[in-house]
PDB file of all heavy atoms in Angstrom:
ATOM      1  N   GLY A   1      11.701   0.585  -0.005  1.00  0.00           N
ATOM      2  CA  GLY A   1      13.032   0.984   0.427  1.00  0.00           C
ATOM      3  C   GLY A   1      13.864  -0.221   0.810  1.00  0.00           C
ATOM      4  O   GLY A   1      13.572  -1.346   0.394  1.00  0.00           O
ATOM      5  N   SER A   2      14.884   0.033   1.608  1.00  0.00           N
ATOM      6  CA  SER A   2      15.811  -1.025   2.017  1.00  0.00           C
ATOM      7  C   SER A   2      15.762  -1.216   3.522  1.00  0.00           C
ATOM      8  O   SER A   2      15.653  -0.252   4.277  1.00  0.00           O
ATOM      9  CB  SER A   2      17.233  -0.655   1.595  1.00  0.00           C
ATOM     10  OG  SER A   2      17.337  -0.565   0.194  1.00  0.00           O
ATOM     11  N   VAL A   3      15.884  -2.459   3.934  1.00  0.00           N
ATOM     12  CA  VAL A   3      15.812  -2.787   5.352  1.00  0.00           C
ATOM     13  C   VAL A   3      16.615  -4.054   5.590  1.00  0.00           C
ATOM     14  O   VAL A   3      16.804  -4.871   4.668  1.00  0.00           O
ATOM     15  CB  VAL A   3      14.341  -2.952   5.789  1.00  0.00           C
ATOM     16  CG1 VAL A   3      13.717  -4.169   5.136  1.00  0.00           C
ATOM     17  CG2 VAL A   3      14.204  -3.001   7.299  1.00  0.00           C
ATOM     18  N   GLN A   4      17.076  -4.232   6.819  1.00  0.00           N
ATOM     19  CA  GLN A   4      17.779  -5.456   7.169  1.00  0.00           C
ATOM     20  C   GLN A   4      16.784  -6.567   7.465  1.00  0.00           C
ATOM     21  O   GLN A   4      15.624  -6.294   7.801  1.00  0.00           O
ATOM     22  CB  GLN A   4      18.671  -5.206   8.379  1.00  0.00           C
ATOM     23  CG  GLN A   4      19.839  -4.272   8.094  1.00  0.00           C
ATOM     24  CD  GLN A   4      20.761  -4.142   9.287  1.00  0.00           C
ATOM     25  OE1 GLN A   4      20.369  -4.346  10.433  1.00  0.00           O
ATOM     26  NE2 GLN A   4      22.021  -3.805   9.015  1.00  0.00           N
ATOM     27  N   PRO A   5      17.230  -7.799   7.360  1.00  0.00           N
ATOM     28  CA  PRO A   5      16.343  -8.912   7.726  1.00  0.00           C
ATOM     29  C   PRO A   5      15.794  -8.737   9.132  1.00  0.00           C
ATOM     30  O   PRO A   5      16.513  -8.328  10.048  1.00  0.00           O
ATOM     31  CB  PRO A   5      17.266 -10.126   7.630  1.00  0.00           C
ATOM     32  CG  PRO A   5      18.285  -9.742   6.607  1.00  0.00           C
ATOM     33  CD  PRO A   5      18.515  -8.274   6.835  1.00  0.00           C
ATOM     34  N   GLY A   6      14.511  -9.029   9.271  1.00  0.00           N
ATOM     35  CA  GLY A   6      13.830  -8.830  10.549  1.00  0.00           C
ATOM     36  C   GLY A   6      13.175  -7.482  10.686  1.00  0.00           C
ATOM     37  O   GLY A   6      12.398  -7.257  11.619  1.00  0.00           O
ATOM     38  N   GLY A   7      13.472  -6.582   9.773  1.00  0.00           N
ATOM     39  CA  GLY A   7      12.919  -5.240   9.835  1.00  0.00           C
ATOM     40  C   GLY A   7      11.516  -5.149   9.264  1.00  0.00           C
ATOM     41  O   GLY A   7      10.921  -6.160   8.857  1.00  0.00           O
ATOM     42  N   SER A   8      11.017  -3.913   9.237  1.00  0.00           N
ATOM     43  CA  SER A   8       9.647  -3.670   8.791  1.00  0.00           C
ATOM     44  C   SER A   8       9.599  -2.534   7.782  1.00  0.00           C
ATOM     45  O   SER A   8      10.424  -1.615   7.824  1.00  0.00           O
ATOM     46  CB  SER A   8       8.754  -3.298   9.985  1.00  0.00           C
ATOM     47  OG  SER A   8       8.706  -4.330  10.936  1.00  0.00           O
ATOM     48  N   LEU A   9       8.628  -2.617   6.904  1.00  0.00           N
ATOM     49  CA  LEU A   9       8.331  -1.546   5.961  1.00  0.00           C
ATOM     50  C   LEU A   9       6.829  -1.485   5.767  1.00  0.00           C
ATOM     51  O   LEU A   9       6.135  -2.491   5.934  1.00  0.00           O
ATOM     52  CB  LEU A   9       8.999  -1.797   4.608  1.00  0.00           C
ATOM     53  CG  LEU A   9      10.515  -1.597   4.501  1.00  0.00           C
ATOM     54  CD1 LEU A   9      11.001  -2.097   3.136  1.00  0.00           C
ATOM     55  CD2 LEU A   9      10.889  -0.138   4.699  1.00  0.00           C
ATOM     56  N   THR A  10       6.355  -0.303   5.384  1.00  0.00           N
ATOM     57  CA  THR A  10       4.941  -0.139   5.075  1.00  0.00           C
ATOM     58  C   THR A  10       4.791   0.423   3.667  1.00  0.00           C
ATOM     59  O   THR A  10       5.436   1.409   3.309  1.00  0.00           O
ATOM     60  CB  THR A  10       4.252   0.814   6.061  1.00  0.00           C
ATOM     61  OG1 THR A  10       4.397   0.312   7.378  1.00  0.00           O
ATOM     62  CG2 THR A  10       2.770   0.944   5.738  1.00  0.00           C
ATOM     63  N   LEU A  11       3.966  -0.239   2.884  1.00  0.00           N
ATOM     64  CA  LEU A  11       3.640   0.230   1.548  1.00  0.00           C
ATOM     65  C   LEU A  11       2.240   0.833   1.561  1.00  0.00           C
ATOM     66  O   LEU A  11       1.354   0.336   2.262  1.00  0.00           O
ATOM     67  CB  LEU A  11       3.682  -0.923   0.543  1.00  0.00           C
ATOM     68  CG  LEU A  11       4.956  -1.770   0.524  1.00  0.00           C
ATOM     69  CD1 LEU A  11       4.842  -2.825  -0.568  1.00  0.00           C
ATOM     70  CD2 LEU A  11       6.182  -0.920   0.344  1.00  0.00           C
ATOM     71  N   SER A  12       2.070   1.884   0.790  1.00  0.00           N
ATOM     72  CA  SER A  12       0.756   2.513   0.676  1.00  0.00           C
ATOM     73  C   SER A  12       0.356   2.614  -0.781  1.00  0.00           C
ATOM     74  O   SER A  12       1.202   2.648  -1.679  1.00  0.00           O
ATOM     75  CB  SER A  12       0.769   3.907   1.306  1.00  0.00           C
ATOM     76  OG  SER A  12       1.048   3.836   2.676  1.00  0.00           O
ATOM     77  N   CYS A  13      -0.941   2.663  -0.993  1.00  0.00           N
ATOM     78  CA  CYS A  13      -1.484   2.748  -2.350  1.00  0.00           C
ATOM     79  C   CYS A  13      -2.761   3.571  -2.272  1.00  0.00           C
ATOM     80  O   CYS A  13      -3.700   3.194  -1.565  1.00  0.00           O
ATOM     81  CB  CYS A  13      -1.753   1.343  -2.882  1.00  0.00           C
ATOM     82  SG  CYS A  13      -2.485   1.265  -4.521  1.00  0.00           S
ATOM     83  N   GLU A  14      -2.768   4.666  -2.973  1.00  0.00           N
ATOM     84  CA  GLU A  14      -3.932   5.558  -2.952  1.00  0.00           C
ATOM     85  C   GLU A  14      -4.646   5.513  -4.291  1.00  0.00           C
ATOM     86  O   GLU A  14      -4.011   5.596  -5.348  1.00  0.00           O
ATOM     87  CB  GLU A  14      -3.502   6.988  -2.648  1.00  0.00           C
ATOM     88  CG  GLU A  14      -4.671   7.964  -2.547  1.00  0.00           C
ATOM     89  CD  GLU A  14      -4.238   9.367  -2.143  1.00  0.00           C
ATOM     90  OE1 GLU A  14      -3.056   9.533  -1.778  1.00  0.00           O
ATOM     91  OE2 GLU A  14      -5.068  10.283  -2.203  1.00  0.00           O
ATOM     92  N   LEU A  15      -5.959   5.361  -4.228  1.00  0.00           N
ATOM     93  CA  LEU A  15      -6.770   5.382  -5.433  1.00  0.00           C
ATOM     94  C   LEU A  15      -7.197   6.803  -5.743  1.00  0.00           C
ATOM     95  O   LEU A  15      -7.632   7.537  -4.855  1.00  0.00           O
ATOM     96  CB  LEU A  15      -8.036   4.535  -5.273  1.00  0.00           C
ATOM     97  CG  LEU A  15      -7.925   3.051  -5.564  1.00  0.00           C
ATOM     98  CD1 LEU A  15      -7.118   2.369  -4.485  1.00  0.00           C
ATOM     99  CD2 LEU A  15      -9.313   2.426  -5.665  1.00  0.00           C
ATOM    100  N   SER A  16      -7.097   7.177  -6.986  1.00  0.00           N
ATOM    101  CA  SER A  16      -7.647   8.447  -7.411  1.00  0.00           C
ATOM    102  C   SER A  16      -8.556   8.222  -8.609  1.00  0.00           C
ATOM    103  O   SER A  16      -8.333   7.323  -9.411  1.00  0.00           O
ATOM    104  CB  SER A  16      -6.531   9.432  -7.783  1.00  0.00           C
ATOM    105  OG  SER A  16      -5.822   8.983  -8.912  1.00  0.00           O
ATOM    106  N   GLY A  17      -9.591   9.018  -8.668  1.00  0.00           N
ATOM    107  CA  GLY A  17     -10.507   8.929  -9.789  1.00  0.00           C
ATOM    108  C   GLY A  17     -11.676   7.998  -9.584  1.00  0.00           C
ATOM    109  O   GLY A  17     -12.611   7.981 -10.382  1.00  0.00           O
ATOM    110  N   ARG A  18     -11.618   7.202  -8.553  1.00  0.00           N
ATOM    111  CA  ARG A  18     -12.713   6.286  -8.245  1.00  0.00           C
ATOM    112  C   ARG A  18     -12.809   6.132  -6.739  1.00  0.00           C
ATOM    113  O   ARG A  18     -11.941   6.534  -5.988  1.00  0.00           O
ATOM    114  CB  ARG A  18     -12.481   4.911  -8.894  1.00  0.00           C
ATOM    115  CG  ARG A  18     -12.544   4.897 -10.402  1.00  0.00           C
ATOM    116  CD  ARG A  18     -13.948   5.092 -10.915  1.00  0.00           C
ATOM    117  NE  ARG A  18     -14.049   4.911 -12.353  1.00  0.00           N
ATOM    118  CZ  ARG A  18     -13.848   5.866 -13.254  1.00  0.00           C
ATOM    119  NH1 ARG A  18     -13.543   7.101 -12.858  1.00  0.00           N
ATOM    120  NH2 ARG A  18     -13.961   5.604 -14.543  1.00  0.00           N
ATOM    121  N   THR A  19     -13.904   5.478  -6.304  1.00  0.00           N
ATOM    122  CA  THR A  19     -14.137   5.257  -4.882  1.00  0.00           C
ATOM    123  C   THR A  19     -13.655   3.869  -4.498  1.00  0.00           C
ATOM    124  O   THR A  19     -14.047   2.879  -5.120  1.00  0.00           O
ATOM    125  CB  THR A  19     -15.629   5.411  -4.560  1.00  0.00           C
ATOM    126  OG1 THR A  19     -16.060   6.725  -4.939  1.00  0.00           O
ATOM    127  CG2 THR A  19     -15.879   5.202  -3.082  1.00  0.00           C
ATOM    128  N   LEU A  20     -12.844   3.808  -3.451  1.00  0.00           N
ATOM    129  CA  LEU A  20     -12.283   2.537  -3.035  1.00  0.00           C
ATOM    130  C   LEU A  20     -13.358   1.501  -2.710  1.00  0.00           C
ATOM    131  O   LEU A  20     -13.158   0.314  -2.928  1.00  0.00           O
ATOM    132  CB  LEU A  20     -11.379   2.760  -1.814  1.00  0.00           C
ATOM    133  CG  LEU A  20     -10.723   1.529  -1.205  1.00  0.00           C
ATOM    134  CD1 LEU A  20      -9.827   0.833  -2.219  1.00  0.00           C
ATOM    135  CD2 LEU A  20      -9.921   1.918   0.029  1.00  0.00           C
ATOM    136  N   ASP A  21     -14.510   1.953  -2.207  1.00  0.00           N
ATOM    137  CA  ASP A  21     -15.611   1.045  -1.852  1.00  0.00           C
ATOM    138  C   ASP A  21     -15.951   0.069  -2.974  1.00  0.00           C
ATOM    139  O   ASP A  21     -16.404  -1.043  -2.720  1.00  0.00           O
ATOM    140  CB  ASP A  21     -16.881   1.854  -1.550  1.00  0.00           C
ATOM    141  CG  ASP A  21     -16.817   2.562  -0.222  1.00  0.00           C
ATOM    142  OD1 ASP A  21     -15.797   2.407   0.468  1.00  0.00           O
ATOM    143  OD2 ASP A  21     -17.779   3.271   0.105  1.00  0.00           O
ATOM    144  N   ASP A  22     -15.758   0.491  -4.202  1.00  0.00           N
ATOM    145  CA  ASP A  22     -16.206  -0.294  -5.352  1.00  0.00           C
ATOM    146  C   ASP A  22     -15.165  -1.289  -5.842  1.00  0.00           C
ATOM    147  O   ASP A  22     -15.398  -1.985  -6.839  1.00  0.00           O
ATOM    148  CB  ASP A  22     -16.575   0.640  -6.506  1.00  0.00           C
ATOM    149  CG  ASP A  22     -17.756   1.541  -6.171  1.00  0.00           C
ATOM    150  OD1 ASP A  22     -18.585   1.125  -5.344  1.00  0.00           O
ATOM    151  OD2 ASP A  22     -17.820   2.651  -6.731  1.00  0.00           O
ATOM    152  N   TYR A  23     -14.008  -1.382  -5.158  1.00  0.00           N
ATOM    153  CA  TYR A  23     -12.899  -2.169  -5.688  1.00  0.00           C
ATOM    154  C   TYR A  23     -12.320  -3.131  -4.659  1.00  0.00           C
ATOM    155  O   TYR A  23     -12.120  -2.779  -3.490  1.00  0.00           O
ATOM    156  CB  TYR A  23     -11.781  -1.249  -6.174  1.00  0.00           C
ATOM    157  CG  TYR A  23     -12.176  -0.466  -7.393  1.00  0.00           C
ATOM    158  CD1 TYR A  23     -12.880   0.727  -7.277  1.00  0.00           C
ATOM    159  CD2 TYR A  23     -11.895  -0.940  -8.670  1.00  0.00           C
ATOM    160  CE1 TYR A  23     -13.292   1.420  -8.404  1.00  0.00           C
ATOM    161  CE2 TYR A  23     -12.280  -0.249  -9.795  1.00  0.00           C
ATOM    162  CZ  TYR A  23     -12.984   0.936  -9.654  1.00  0.00           C
ATOM    163  OH  TYR A  23     -13.385   1.609 -10.764  1.00  0.00           O
ATOM    164  N   ALA A  24     -12.039  -4.341  -5.148  1.00  0.00           N
ATOM    165  CA  ALA A  24     -11.167  -5.236  -4.405  1.00  0.00           C
ATOM    166  C   ALA A  24      -9.731  -4.768  -4.629  1.00  0.00           C
ATOM    167  O   ALA A  24      -9.412  -4.172  -5.664  1.00  0.00           O
ATOM    168  CB  ALA A  24     -11.342  -6.665  -4.891  1.00  0.00           C
ATOM    169  N   ILE A  25      -8.873  -5.055  -3.660  1.00  0.00           N
ATOM    170  CA  ILE A  25      -7.485  -4.612  -3.731  1.00  0.00           C
ATOM    171  C   ILE A  25      -6.557  -5.798  -3.568  1.00  0.00           C
ATOM    172  O   ILE A  25      -6.768  -6.653  -2.708  1.00  0.00           O
ATOM    173  CB  ILE A  25      -7.170  -3.575  -2.636  1.00  0.00           C
ATOM    174  CG1 ILE A  25      -8.021  -2.316  -2.823  1.00  0.00           C
ATOM    175  CG2 ILE A  25      -5.678  -3.239  -2.640  1.00  0.00           C
ATOM    176  CD1 ILE A  25      -7.734  -1.563  -4.106  1.00  0.00           C
TER     177      ILE A  25
END
């Protein structure tokens, strides 16, 4: 999204079809 300088954002990423344990991200 959009934010002013100094602000914060959070990105998320969900794995489907496999187990996260088996992968570097």
